[in-house]
C-alpha atoms as a PDB file:
ATOM      1  CA  MET A   1      99.503 132.455  99.974  1.00  0.00           C
ATOM      2  CA  SER A   2      96.294 130.946  98.479  1.00  0.00           C
ATOM      3  CA  ARG A   3      93.714 129.130 100.678  1.00  0.00           C
ATOM      4  CA  ILE A   4      91.796 125.920 100.092  1.00  0.00           C
ATOM      5  CA  ALA A   5      88.225 126.809 100.885  1.00  0.00           C
ATOM      6  CA  ALA A   6      86.626 123.409 100.378  1.00  0.00           C
ATOM      7  CA  VAL A   7      87.266 119.895  98.935  1.00  0.00           C
ATOM      8  CA  HIS A   8      84.531 117.514  97.892  1.00  0.00           C
ATOM      9  CA  GLY A   9      84.954 113.911  96.664  1.00  0.00           C
ATOM     10  CA  VAL A  10      82.485 111.632  94.958  1.00  0.00           C
ATOM     11  CA  LEU A  11      82.596 108.002  93.999  1.00  0.00           C
ATOM     12  CA  ALA A  12      81.167 106.155  90.964  1.00  0.00           C
ATOM     13  CA  PRO A  13      77.768 104.626  91.587  1.00  0.00           C
ATOM     14  CA  HIS A  14      78.565 100.829  91.609  1.00  0.00           C
ATOM     15  CA  ARG A  15      80.443  99.458  94.591  1.00  0.00           C
ATOM     16  CA  GLN A  16      82.273  96.245  94.026  1.00  0.00           C
ATOM     17  CA  GLU A  17      84.040  93.846  96.343  1.00  0.00           C
ATOM     18  CA  GLN A  18      87.630  93.044  95.383  1.00  0.00           C
ATOM     19  CA  ARG A  19      86.791  89.359  94.880  1.00  0.00           C
ATOM     20  CA  GLU A  20      84.152  90.240  92.300  1.00  0.00           C
ATOM     21  CA  ILE A  21      86.672  92.201  90.217  1.00  0.00           C
ATOM     22  CA  THR A  22      89.244  89.443  90.609  1.00  0.00           C
ATOM     23  CA  ASP A  23      86.736  86.917  89.284  1.00  0.00           C
ATOM     24  CA  LEU A  24      85.946  89.110  86.315  1.00  0.00           C
ATOM     25  CA  MET A  25      89.584  89.462  85.407  1.00  0.00           C
ATOM     26  CA  ALA A  26      90.090  85.704  85.749  1.00  0.00           C
ATOM     27  CA  ARG A  27      87.354  85.137  83.223  1.00  0.00           C
ATOM     28  CA  THR A  28      88.332  87.868  80.796  1.00  0.00           C
ATOM     29  CA  CYS A  29      92.105  88.289  81.045  1.00  0.00           C
ATOM     30  CA  LEU A  30      93.564  84.847  81.619  1.00  0.00           C
ATOM     31  CA  PRO A  31      93.747  82.152  78.837  1.00  0.00           C
ATOM     32  CA  GLY A  32      91.224  79.357  79.200  1.00  0.00           C
ATOM     33  CA  GLY A  33      92.272  76.809  81.826  1.00  0.00           C
ATOM     34  CA  ALA A  34      95.047  78.983  83.190  1.00  0.00           C
ATOM     35  CA  ASP A  35      96.029  78.873  86.822  1.00  0.00           C
ATOM     36  CA  ARG A  36      94.684  82.005  88.541  1.00  0.00           C
ATOM     37  CA  ALA A  37      96.845  81.710  91.607  1.00  0.00           C
ATOM     38  CA  VAL A  38      99.123  84.586  90.613  1.00  0.00           C
ATOM     39  CA  LEU A  39      96.120  86.841  89.905  1.00  0.00           C
ATOM     40  CA  ASP A  40      94.619  85.909  93.209  1.00  0.00           C
ATOM     41  CA  ARG A  41      97.875  86.643  95.050  1.00  0.00           C
ATOM     42  CA  LEU A  42      98.370  89.981  93.322  1.00  0.00           C
ATOM     43  CA  HIS A  43      94.878  91.134  94.164  1.00  0.00           C
ATOM     44  CA  ALA A  44      95.029  89.992  97.769  1.00  0.00           C
ATOM     45  CA  SER A  45      98.347  91.780  98.255  1.00  0.00           C
ATOM     46  CA  ALA A  46      96.863  95.094  96.878  1.00  0.00           C
ATOM     47  CA  ARG A  47      95.155  95.524 100.301  1.00  0.00           C
ATOM     48  CA  VAL A  48      92.030  96.805  98.520  1.00  0.00           C
ATOM     49  CA  ARG A  49      88.743  95.582  99.976  1.00  0.00           C
ATOM     50  CA  SER A  50      86.310  97.300  97.682  1.00  0.00           C
ATOM     51  CA  ARG A  51      86.149  99.771  94.787  1.00  0.00           C
ATOM     52  CA  HIS A  52      83.538 101.756  92.852  1.00  0.00           C
ATOM     53  CA  THR A  53      82.975 101.482  89.092  1.00  0.00           C
ATOM     54  CA  VAL A  54      81.040 103.681  86.767  1.00  0.00           C
ATOM     55  CA  LEU A  55      79.264 100.703  85.233  1.00  0.00           C
ATOM     56  CA  PRO A  56      77.921  97.391  86.630  1.00  0.00           C
ATOM     57  CA  LEU A  57      80.613  94.723  86.133  1.00  0.00           C
ATOM     58  CA  ASP A  58      78.545  92.806  83.593  1.00  0.00           C
ATOM     59  CA  ALA A  59      78.236  95.877  81.428  1.00  0.00           C
ATOM     60  CA  TYR A  60      81.950  96.160  80.522  1.00  0.00           C
ATOM     61  CA  ALA A  61      81.860  93.278  78.088  1.00  0.00           C
ATOM     62  CA  ALA A  62      79.431  95.241  75.973  1.00  0.00           C
ATOM     63  CA  LEU A  63      81.886  98.098  75.432  1.00  0.00           C
ATOM     64  CA  ASP A  64      83.161  97.463  71.932  1.00  0.00           C
ATOM     65  CA  GLY A  65      86.253  99.477  71.029  1.00  0.00           C
ATOM     66  CA  PHE A  66      87.867 102.633  72.353  1.00  0.00           C
ATOM     67  CA  GLY A  67      85.149 104.849  70.859  1.00  0.00           C
ATOM     68  CA  ALA A  68      82.450 103.218  72.986  1.00  0.00           C
ATOM     69  CA  VAL A  69      84.560 103.349  76.053  1.00  0.00           C
ATOM     70  CA  ASN A  70      85.413 106.979  75.519  1.00  0.00           C
ATOM     71  CA  ASP A  71      81.767 108.010  74.992  1.00  0.00           C
ATOM     72  CA  THR A  72      81.020 106.415  78.282  1.00  0.00           C
ATOM     73  CA  PHE A  73      83.829 108.278  79.899  1.00  0.00           C
ATOM     74  CA  ILE A  74      82.511 111.688  78.632  1.00  0.00           C
ATOM     75  CA  GLU A  75      78.985 111.057  79.764  1.00  0.00           C
ATOM     76  CA  ALA A  76      79.968 109.832  83.196  1.00  0.00           C
ATOM     77  CA  ALA A  77      82.713 112.427  83.695  1.00  0.00           C
ATOM     78  CA  VAL A  78      80.274 115.275  83.169  1.00  0.00           C
ATOM     79  CA  GLU A  79      77.860 113.741  85.727  1.00  0.00           C
ATOM     80  CA  LEU A  80      80.367 112.959  88.405  1.00  0.00           C
ATOM     81  CA  GLY A  81      82.295 116.244  87.736  1.00  0.00           C
ATOM     82  CA  ALA A  82      79.140 118.350  88.068  1.00  0.00           C
ATOM     83  CA  GLY A  83      78.355 116.801  91.424  1.00  0.00           C
ATOM     84  CA  ALA A  84      81.842 117.312  92.780  1.00  0.00           C
ATOM     85  CA  VAL A  85      82.108 120.945  91.755  1.00  0.00           C
ATOM     86  CA  GLU A  86      78.568 121.817  92.848  1.00  0.00           C
ATOM     87  CA  ASN A  87      79.107 120.429  96.311  1.00  0.00           C
ATOM     88  CA  ALA A  88      82.577 121.909  96.719  1.00  0.00           C
ATOM     89  CA  LEU A  89      81.249 125.360  95.823  1.00  0.00           C
ATOM     90  CA  ARG A  90      78.301 124.928  98.210  1.00  0.00           C
ATOM     91  CA  ALA A  91      80.711 123.945 101.033  1.00  0.00           C
ATOM     92  CA  ALA A  92      82.805 126.951 100.329  1.00  0.00           C
ATOM     93  CA  SER A  93      79.812 129.315 100.221  1.00  0.00           C
ATOM     94  CA  ILE A  94      80.906 130.470  96.782  1.00  0.00           C
ATOM     95  CA  ALA A  95      78.429 130.947  93.882  1.00  0.00           C
ATOM     96  CA  PRO A  96      79.258 129.430  90.496  1.00  0.00           C
ATOM     97  CA  HIS A  97      79.412 132.904  88.787  1.00  0.00           C
ATOM     98  CA  GLU A  98      82.294 133.814  91.165  1.00  0.00           C
ATOM     99  CA  VAL A  99      84.602 131.169  89.743  1.00  0.00           C
ATOM    100  CA  ASP A 100      87.388 132.720  87.642  1.00  0.00           C
ATOM    101  CA  LEU A 101      89.435 129.586  86.690  1.00  0.00           C
ATOM    102  CA  LEU A 102      88.342 125.926  86.213  1.00  0.00           C
ATOM    103  CA  VAL A 103      91.182 123.441  85.791  1.00  0.00           C
ATOM    104  CA  PHE A 104      90.070 119.961  84.745  1.00  0.00           C
ATOM    105  CA  THR A 105      92.308 116.903  84.944  1.00  0.00           C
ATOM    106  CA  SER A 106      91.945 113.294  83.930  1.00  0.00           C
ATOM    107  CA  VAL A 107      94.083 110.618  82.512  1.00  0.00           C
ATOM    108  CA  THR A 108      91.317 108.026  81.785  1.00  0.00           C
ATOM    109  CA  GLY A 109      89.477 109.614  78.891  1.00  0.00           C
ATOM    110  CA  ILE A 110      89.659 112.429  76.307  1.00  0.00           C
ATOM    111  CA  ALA A 111      87.082 114.949  74.985  1.00  0.00           C
ATOM    112  CA  ALA A 112      86.879 117.887  72.672  1.00  0.00           C
ATOM    113  CA  PRO A 113      85.067 120.021  73.665  1.00  0.00           C
ATOM    114  CA  SER A 114      86.685 119.101  76.956  1.00  0.00           C
ATOM    115  CA  VAL A 115      84.723 118.047  79.982  1.00  0.00           C
ATOM    116  CA  ASP A 116      85.231 121.532  81.665  1.00  0.00           C
ATOM    117  CA  ALA A 117      83.737 123.182  78.635  1.00  0.00           C
ATOM    118  CA  ARG A 118      80.704 120.941  78.917  1.00  0.00           C
ATOM    119  CA  LEU A 119      80.274 121.921  82.502  1.00  0.00           C
ATOM    120  CA  VAL A 120      80.279 125.647  82.154  1.00  0.00           C
ATOM    121  CA  GLY A 121      76.605 126.100  81.199  1.00  0.00           C
ATOM    122  CA  ARG A 122      75.426 123.248  83.364  1.00  0.00           C
ATOM    123  CA  LEU A 123      77.108 124.658  86.506  1.00  0.00           C
ATOM    124  CA  GLY A 124      76.250 128.241  85.821  1.00  0.00           C
ATOM    125  CA  LEU A 125      79.827 129.448  85.472  1.00  0.00           C
ATOM    126  CA  ARG A 126      80.463 132.761  83.656  1.00  0.00           C
ATOM    127  CA  GLN A 127      81.014 132.684  79.936  1.00  0.00           C
ATOM    128  CA  ASP A 128      84.392 134.372  80.388  1.00  0.00           C
ATOM    129  CA  VAL A 129      85.603 131.817  82.987  1.00  0.00           C
ATOM    130  CA  LYS A 130      89.185 130.675  82.256  1.00  0.00           C
ATOM    131  CA  ARG A 131      89.506 126.999  81.539  1.00  0.00           C
ATOM    132  CA  LEU A 132      92.456 124.621  81.511  1.00  0.00           C
ATOM    133  CA  PRO A 133      91.978 120.968  80.664  1.00  0.00           C
ATOM    134  CA  VAL A 134      95.043 118.808  81.599  1.00  0.00           C
ATOM    135  CA  PHE A 135      95.806 115.320  80.372  1.00  0.00           C
ATOM    136  CA  GLY A 136      98.845 113.131  81.120  1.00  0.00           C
ATOM    137  CA  LEU A 137      99.815 113.973  84.652  1.00  0.00           C
ATOM    138  CA  GLY A 138      98.038 110.841  85.955  1.00  0.00           C
ATOM    139  CA  CYS A 139      98.131 110.172  89.712  1.00  0.00           C
ATOM    140  CA  VAL A 140     100.199 113.301  90.386  1.00  0.00           C
ATOM    141  CA  ALA A 141      97.679 115.688  88.993  1.00  0.00           C
ATOM    142  CA  GLY A 142      95.695 116.166  92.190  1.00  0.00           C
ATOM    143  CA  ALA A 143      98.768 117.631  93.931  1.00  0.00           C
ATOM    144  CA  ALA A 144     100.016 119.334  90.793  1.00  0.00           C
ATOM    145  CA  GLY A 145      96.607 120.854  90.127  1.00  0.00           C
ATOM    146  CA  LEU A 146      96.575 122.386  93.544  1.00  0.00           C
ATOM    147  CA  GLY A 147     100.064 123.684  92.848  1.00  0.00           C
ATOM    148  CA  ARG A 148      99.032 125.297  89.605  1.00  0.00           C
ATOM    149  CA  LEU A 149      95.914 126.878  91.150  1.00  0.00           C
ATOM    150  CA  HIS A 150      98.261 128.409  93.776  1.00  0.00           C
ATOM    151  CA  ASP A 151     100.532 129.764  91.046  1.00  0.00           C
ATOM    152  CA  TYR A 152      97.570 131.361  89.320  1.00  0.00           C
ATOM    153  CA  LEU A 153      96.165 132.870  92.466  1.00  0.00           C
ATOM    154  CA  ARG A 154      99.479 134.469  93.351  1.00  0.00           C
ATOM    155  CA  GLY A 155      99.082 136.460  90.202  1.00  0.00           C
ATOM    156  CA  TRP A 156      95.282 136.984  90.682  1.00  0.00           C
ATOM    157  CA  PRO A 157      94.902 137.235  94.483  1.00  0.00           C
ATOM    158  CA  ASP A 158      91.257 138.353  94.229  1.00  0.00           C
ATOM    159  CA  HIS A 159      90.193 135.337  92.238  1.00  0.00           C
ATOM    160  CA  VAL A 160      88.583 131.951  92.881  1.00  0.00           C
ATOM    161  CA  ALA A 161      89.939 128.890  91.189  1.00  0.00           C
ATOM    162  CA  VAL A 162      88.485 125.364  91.093  1.00  0.00           C
ATOM    163  CA  LEU A 163      90.355 122.106  90.405  1.00  0.00           C
ATOM    164  CA  LEU A 164      88.237 119.146  89.180  1.00  0.00           C
ATOM    165  CA  SER A 165      89.608 115.659  88.857  1.00  0.00           C
ATOM    166  CA  VAL A 166      87.560 112.820  87.323  1.00  0.00           C
ATOM    167  CA  GLU A 167      89.197 109.426  86.891  1.00  0.00           C
ATOM    168  CA  LEU A 168      87.239 106.438  85.522  1.00  0.00           C
ATOM    169  CA  CYS A 169      90.008 103.909  85.723  1.00  0.00           C
ATOM    170  CA  SER A 170      87.719 100.924  85.132  1.00  0.00           C
ATOM    171  CA  LEU A 171      87.220 102.124  81.573  1.00  0.00           C
ATOM    172  CA  THR A 172      90.910 101.500  80.805  1.00  0.00           C
ATOM    173  CA  PHE A 173      90.506  97.809  81.701  1.00  0.00           C
ATOM    174  CA  GLN A 174      91.991  95.659  78.941  1.00  0.00           C
ATOM    175  CA  ARG A 175      90.408  92.289  78.271  1.00  0.00           C
ATOM    176  CA  ASP A 176      92.527  89.409  77.016  1.00  0.00           C
ATOM    177  CA  ASP A 177      95.602  90.988  78.597  1.00  0.00           C
ATOM    178  CA  PRO A 178      97.346  88.685  81.138  1.00  0.00           C
ATOM    179  CA  SER A 179     100.351  90.979  81.557  1.00  0.00           C
ATOM    180  CA  PRO A 180     101.536  91.571  85.107  1.00  0.00           C
ATOM    181  CA  ALA A 181     100.972  95.396  84.679  1.00  0.00           C
ATOM    182  CA  ASN A 182      97.338  94.924  83.662  1.00  0.00           C
ATOM    183  CA  LEU A 183      96.688  92.416  86.521  1.00  0.00           C
ATOM    184  CA  VAL A 184      98.271  94.674  89.100  1.00  0.00           C
ATOM    185  CA  ALA A 185      96.436  97.692  87.854  1.00  0.00           C
ATOM    186  CA  GLY A 186      93.197  95.672  87.804  1.00  0.00           C
ATOM    187  CA  GLY A 187      93.638  95.072  91.505  1.00  0.00           C
ATOM    188  CA  LEU A 188      94.292  98.762  92.530  1.00  0.00           C
ATOM    189  CA  PHE A 189      92.351 101.305  90.545  1.00  0.00           C
ATOM    190  CA  GLY A 190      88.852 102.583  91.065  1.00  0.00           C
ATOM    191  CA  ASP A 191      86.511 105.328  89.779  1.00  0.00           C
ATOM    192  CA  GLY A 192      85.796 108.648  91.439  1.00  0.00           C
ATOM    193  CA  ALA A 193      86.086 112.435  91.201  1.00  0.00           C
ATOM    194  CA  ALA A 194      87.001 115.305  93.442  1.00  0.00           C
ATOM    195  CA  ALA A 195      86.897 119.102  93.338  1.00  0.00           C
ATOM    196  CA  ALA A 196      88.874 121.659  95.338  1.00  0.00           C
ATOM    197  CA  VAL A 197      87.924 125.332  95.637  1.00  0.00           C
ATOM    198  CA  CYS A 198      90.789 127.683  96.259  1.00  0.00           C
ATOM    199  CA  CYS A 199      90.811 131.522  96.853  1.00  0.00           C
ATOM    200  CA  GLY A 200      93.544 134.075  96.480  1.00  0.00           C
ATOM    201  CA  ALA A 201      94.993 135.991  99.475  1.00  0.00           C
ATOM    202  CA  ARG A 202      92.914 139.102  98.875  1.00  0.00           C
ATOM    203  CA  ARG A 203      89.657 137.254  98.399  1.00  0.00           C
ATOM    204  CA  LEU A 204      87.129 138.245 101.094  1.00  0.00           C
ATOM    205  CA  PRO A 205      85.749 136.915 103.212  1.00  0.00           C
ATOM    206  CA  ARG A 206      88.689 134.612 103.827  1.00  0.00           C
ATOM    207  CA  PRO A 207      87.695 130.907 104.012  1.00  0.00           C
ATOM    208  CA  ALA A 208      88.710 128.878 107.024  1.00  0.00           C
ATOM    209  CA  GLY A 209      90.632 126.119 105.124  1.00  0.00           C
ATOM    210  CA  PRO A 210      94.349 125.563 105.032  1.00  0.00           C
ATOM    211  CA  THR A 211      96.689 127.829 103.125  1.00  0.00           C
ATOM    212  CA  VAL A 212      98.991 126.658 100.393  1.00  0.00           C
ATOM    213  CA  VAL A 213     102.464 128.093 101.280  1.00  0.00           C
ATOM    214  CA  ALA A 214     104.547 126.730  98.372  1.00  0.00           C
ATOM    215  CA  THR A 215     104.874 123.890  95.943  1.00  0.00           C
ATOM    216  CA  ARG A 216     107.653 122.042  94.217  1.00  0.00           C
ATOM    217  CA  SER A 217     107.706 119.799  91.123  1.00  0.00           C
ATOM    218  CA  ARG A 218     110.358 117.146  90.417  1.00  0.00           C
ATOM    219  CA  LEU A 219     110.783 115.145  87.241  1.00  0.00           C
ATOM    220  CA  TYR A 220     113.224 112.216  87.407  1.00  0.00           C
ATOM    221  CA  PRO A 221     115.452 111.525  84.352  1.00  0.00           C
ATOM    222  CA  ASP A 222     115.272 108.373  82.352  1.00  0.00           C
ATOM    223  CA  THR A 223     111.994 107.224  83.958  1.00  0.00           C
ATOM    224  CA  GLU A 224     109.565 107.669  81.072  1.00  0.00           C
ATOM    225  CA  ARG A 225     108.671 103.934  81.014  1.00  0.00           C
ATOM    226  CA  VAL A 226     108.107 103.628  84.756  1.00  0.00           C
ATOM    227  CA  MET A 227     104.483 104.617  84.571  1.00  0.00           C
ATOM    228  CA  GLY A 228     101.914 105.708  82.034  1.00  0.00           C
ATOM    229  CA  TRP A 229      99.870 104.442  79.051  1.00  0.00           C
ATOM    230  CA  ASP A 230     100.540 102.878  75.734  1.00  0.00           C
ATOM    231  CA  ILE A 231      97.758 104.204  73.515  1.00  0.00           C
ATOM    232  CA  THR A 232      96.397 101.382  71.300  1.00  0.00           C
ATOM    233  CA  ALA A 233      93.334 100.607  69.211  1.00  0.00           C
ATOM    234  CA  SER A 234      91.645  99.132  72.218  1.00  0.00           C
ATOM    235  CA  GLY A 235      92.385 102.145  74.342  1.00  0.00           C
ATOM    236  CA  PHE A 236      94.789 102.817  77.266  1.00  0.00           C
ATOM    237  CA  ARG A 237      97.164  99.917  78.111  1.00  0.00           C
ATOM    238  CA  VAL A 238      98.840 100.487  81.475  1.00  0.00           C
ATOM    239  CA  VAL A 239     102.608 100.866  81.778  1.00  0.00           C
ATOM    240  CA  LEU A 240     103.568 100.027  85.348  1.00  0.00           C
ATOM    241  CA  ASP A 241     107.142  99.106  86.125  1.00  0.00           C
ATOM    242  CA  PRO A 242     107.901  97.264  89.468  1.00  0.00           C
ATOM    243  CA  THR A 243     110.812  99.740  90.017  1.00  0.00           C
ATOM    244  CA  VAL A 244     108.479 102.530  91.211  1.00  0.00           C
ATOM    245  CA  PRO A 245     109.138 101.884  94.910  1.00  0.00           C
ATOM    246  CA  ASP A 246     112.906 101.953  94.131  1.00  0.00           C
ATOM    247  CA  VAL A 247     112.586 105.415  92.592  1.00  0.00           C
ATOM    248  CA  VAL A 248     110.692 106.567  95.645  1.00  0.00           C
ATOM    249  CA  ARG A 249     113.426 105.303  98.000  1.00  0.00           C
ATOM    250  CA  ARG A 250     116.178 106.806  95.889  1.00  0.00           C
ATOM    251  CA  HIS A 251     114.793 110.319  95.557  1.00  0.00           C
ATOM    252  CA  LEU A 252     111.921 111.259  97.789  1.00  0.00           C
ATOM    253  CA  ALA A 253     113.688 111.925 101.086  1.00  0.00           C
ATOM    254  CA  ASP A 254     116.194 114.387  99.516  1.00  0.00           C
ATOM    255  CA  ASP A 255     113.354 116.155  97.673  1.00  0.00           C
ATOM    256  CA  VAL A 256     111.229 116.559 100.807  1.00  0.00           C
ATOM    257  CA  ASP A 257     114.144 117.568 102.989  1.00  0.00           C
ATOM    258  CA  GLY A 258     115.349 120.194 100.451  1.00  0.00           C
ATOM    259  CA  PHE A 259     111.830 121.549 100.057  1.00  0.00           C
ATOM    260  CA  LEU A 260     111.119 121.829 103.768  1.00  0.00           C
ATOM    261  CA  GLY A 261     114.553 123.172 104.421  1.00  0.00           C
ATOM    262  CA  ASP A 262     113.842 126.087 102.075  1.00  0.00           C
ATOM    263  CA  HIS A 263     111.026 127.068 104.555  1.00  0.00           C
ATOM    264  CA  ASP A 264     113.104 126.375 107.725  1.00  0.00           C
ATOM    265  CA  LEU A 265     111.251 123.146 108.399  1.00  0.00           C
ATOM    266  CA  LYS A 266     112.105 119.584 108.971  1.00  0.00           C
ATOM    267  CA  ARG A 267     110.030 116.350 108.607  1.00  0.00           C
ATOM    268  CA  GLN A 268     109.421 116.278 112.389  1.00  0.00           C
ATOM    269  CA  ASP A 269     107.527 119.591 112.080  1.00  0.00           C
ATOM    270  CA  ILE A 270     104.898 118.189 109.782  1.00  0.00           C
ATOM    271  CA  THR A 271     101.737 117.501 111.660  1.00  0.00           C
ATOM    272  CA  ALA A 272      99.847 115.672 108.833  1.00  0.00           C
ATOM    273  CA  TRP A 273     101.090 113.807 105.726  1.00  0.00           C
ATOM    274  CA  VAL A 274      98.539 113.907 102.954  1.00  0.00           C
ATOM    275  CA  CYS A 275      99.844 111.198 100.567  1.00  0.00           C
ATOM    276  CA  HIS A 276      98.394 109.739  97.371  1.00  0.00           C
ATOM    277  CA  PRO A 277      97.613 105.973  97.866  1.00  0.00           C
ATOM    278  CA  GLY A 278      99.614 104.649  95.007  1.00  0.00           C
ATOM    279  CA  GLY A 279      99.642 101.065  96.283  1.00  0.00           C
ATOM    280  CA  PRO A 280     101.043  99.124  99.181  1.00  0.00           C
ATOM    281  CA  LYS A 281     104.667  98.780  97.938  1.00  0.00           C
ATOM    282  CA  VAL A 282     104.723 102.571  97.119  1.00  0.00           C
ATOM    283  CA  LEU A 283     103.270 103.556 100.540  1.00  0.00           C
ATOM    284  CA  GLU A 284     105.761 101.335 102.311  1.00  0.00           C
ATOM    285  CA  ALA A 285     108.521 103.026 100.349  1.00  0.00           C
ATOM    286  CA  VAL A 286     107.280 106.436 101.231  1.00  0.00           C
ATOM    287  CA  SER A 287     107.145 105.542 104.898  1.00  0.00           C
ATOM    288  CA  GLU A 288     110.577 104.018 104.865  1.00  0.00           C
ATOM    289  CA  ALA A 289     112.236 106.867 102.829  1.00  0.00           C
ATOM    290  CA  LEU A 290     110.775 109.603 105.023  1.00  0.00           C
ATOM    291  CA  GLU A 291     110.963 107.495 108.277  1.00  0.00           C
ATOM    292  CA  LEU A 292     107.462 108.408 109.106  1.00  0.00           C
ATOM    293  CA  PRO A 293     106.086 107.588 112.553  1.00  0.00           C
ATOM    294  CA  ASP A 294     103.511 104.829 112.934  1.00  0.00           C
ATOM    295  CA  GLY A 295     100.013 105.947 111.892  1.00  0.00           C
ATOM    296  CA  ALA A 296     101.242 108.892 109.781  1.00  0.00           C
ATOM    297  CA  LEU A 297      99.646 107.457 106.669  1.00  0.00           C
ATOM    298  CA  ASP A 298      96.586 105.815 108.315  1.00  0.00           C
ATOM    299  CA  ILE A 299      94.061 107.939 106.298  1.00  0.00           C
ATOM    300  CA  THR A 300      95.850 107.092 103.089  1.00  0.00           C
ATOM    301  CA  TRP A 301      95.905 103.363 103.885  1.00  0.00           C
ATOM    302  CA  ARG A 302      92.232 103.446 104.674  1.00  0.00           C
ATOM    303  CA  SER A 303      91.420 105.208 101.408  1.00  0.00           C
ATOM    304  CA  LEU A 304      93.263 102.478  99.462  1.00  0.00           C
ATOM    305  CA  GLU A 305      91.458  99.755 101.359  1.00  0.00           C
ATOM    306  CA  THR A 306      87.961 101.209 100.891  1.00  0.00           C
ATOM    307  CA  VAL A 307      88.017 102.746  97.394  1.00  0.00           C
ATOM    308  CA  GLY A 308      91.297 101.777  95.792  1.00  0.00           C
ATOM    309  CA  ASN A 309      93.584 104.127  93.871  1.00  0.00           C
ATOM    310  CA  LEU A 310      91.478 106.861  92.228  1.00  0.00           C
ATOM    311  CA  SER A 311      94.504 108.254  90.250  1.00  0.00           C
ATOM    312  CA  SER A 312      94.604 112.043  90.472  1.00  0.00           C
ATOM    313  CA  ALA A 313      91.359 112.212  92.589  1.00  0.00           C
ATOM    314  CA  SER A 314      92.802 110.076  95.421  1.00  0.00           C
ATOM    315  CA  VAL A 315      94.985 112.697  97.117  1.00  0.00           C
ATOM    316  CA  LEU A 316      92.077 115.068  97.173  1.00  0.00           C
ATOM    317  CA  HIS A 317      89.928 112.477  98.880  1.00  0.00           C
ATOM    318  CA  VAL A 318      92.698 111.968 101.463  1.00  0.00           C
ATOM    319  CA  LEU A 319      92.932 115.721 101.970  1.00  0.00           C
ATOM    320  CA  ARG A 320      89.165 115.967 102.542  1.00  0.00           C
ATOM    321  CA  ASP A 321      89.288 113.106 105.027  1.00  0.00           C
ATOM    322  CA  THR A 322      92.229 114.706 106.854  1.00  0.00           C
ATOM    323  CA  LEU A 323      90.330 117.997 107.181  1.00  0.00           C
ATOM    324  CA  THR A 324      87.093 116.435 108.325  1.00  0.00           C
ATOM    325  CA  GLU A 325      88.141 113.478 110.432  1.00  0.00           C
ATOM    326  CA  ARG A 326      91.570 114.317 111.851  1.00  0.00           C
ATOM    327  CA  PRO A 327      92.103 118.085 111.543  1.00  0.00           C
ATOM    328  CA  PRO A 328      95.746 119.014 112.474  1.00  0.00           C
ATOM    329  CA  PRO A 329      96.451 121.767 114.992  1.00  0.00           C
ATOM    330  CA  ALA A 330      95.846 125.214 113.482  1.00  0.00           C
ATOM    331  CA  GLY A 331      98.905 127.075 112.320  1.00  0.00           C
ATOM    332  CA  THR A 332     101.052 123.932 111.928  1.00  0.00           C
ATOM    333  CA  PRO A 333     102.605 122.760 108.676  1.00  0.00           C
ATOM    334  CA  GLY A 334     101.424 119.869 106.575  1.00  0.00           C
ATOM    335  CA  LEU A 335     102.718 118.227 103.421  1.00  0.00           C
ATOM    336  CA  LEU A 336     100.595 116.934 100.468  1.00  0.00           C
ATOM    337  CA  LEU A 337     102.413 114.734  98.017  1.00  0.00           C
ATOM    338  CA  ALA A 338     101.744 112.576  94.989  1.00  0.00           C
ATOM    339  CA  LEU A 339     103.749 110.630  92.376  1.00  0.00           C
ATOM    340  CA  GLY A 340     102.886 110.036  88.699  1.00  0.00           C
ATOM    341  CA  PRO A 341     103.932 109.470  85.108  1.00  0.00           C
ATOM    342  CA  GLY A 342     107.135 111.136  84.021  1.00  0.00           C
ATOM    343  CA  PHE A 343     108.233 109.749  86.462  1.00  0.00           C
ATOM    344  CA  CYS A 344     107.570 112.683  88.738  1.00  0.00           C
ATOM    345  CA  SER A 345     106.587 113.978  92.177  1.00  0.00           C
ATOM    346  CA  GLU A 346     104.713 117.034  93.414  1.00  0.00           C
ATOM    347  CA  LEU A 347     105.031 118.498  96.890  1.00  0.00           C
ATOM    348  CA  VAL A 348     102.574 120.971  98.381  1.00  0.00           C
ATOM    349  CA  LEU A 349     103.414 122.735 101.660  1.00  0.00           C
ATOM    350  CA  LEU A 350     100.288 123.541 103.619  1.00  0.00           C
ATOM    351  CA  ARG A 351      99.594 125.492 106.785  1.00  0.00           C
ATOM    352  CA  TRP A 352      96.591 124.224 108.644  1.00  0.00           C
END
């Protein structure tokens, strides 16, 4: 088993109230004179009180074209990413030169050289550090990234691996797009980053964090248009189908039960559910499908309310908050889960 030594989350510098973002979208997305009642209702139902953005709201209008947006992404991703990794390594008492693998994930911008490459010298990582930039997994990448670190550390049990997620969702905002998908996304997503430091089973001294016991990936057929991006001249246009909760209700319980059953566990054995805050309807579908007890997703709901959906970084923020604010009993099982484009799910079995 691999072990999670530390998790650190950071948020973009500018905090916005939901009403401020709603007003901006009313001005820039809706046709002149249009009734904004639907927009107001969508944003109110998102159950998001505030979010963080990488730029002040009045600066977004000055971003002219995808090139300018992506340049902003690269600069900000390096800054936020450096802070997340530095603080995670410090919390784990691991020096930068001890890192053997750096996995970077984002679905809100692209770079070549990749963001992880730009961080090697800045962070003091070794020149022979293994790097793996990942694009396209979206919201599921926080869970999938932990899973792939676990896979790597099973083969290299003496090594240290770091997962870095940076998601600047505000930079995908599409002006002059009154589509329901754009309006819904505009009410949910925020900007942030997170880093997780993991160690192999033979790495000494052993950190005090939870162990990763096993992982499972699931890709659902004929769901490619449920969630993702359409890549256009103006950047990333969100694809967000209202059937996402239906897919969750149809598949998630069987997936979880089968995964837990392979380890002689049942849902009732799980002492903490670390769930990605996809949105109110998705969280309600997760709770209903898994028949979770009241309060099981309180930390996830609070994360959604206070910072919104941070795409792949969100589940890592929820994991951090679980470990620091409501640590489960030592030795008990936990389940971390996320959903994303594909449409797919990722399950990570933990032992606290």
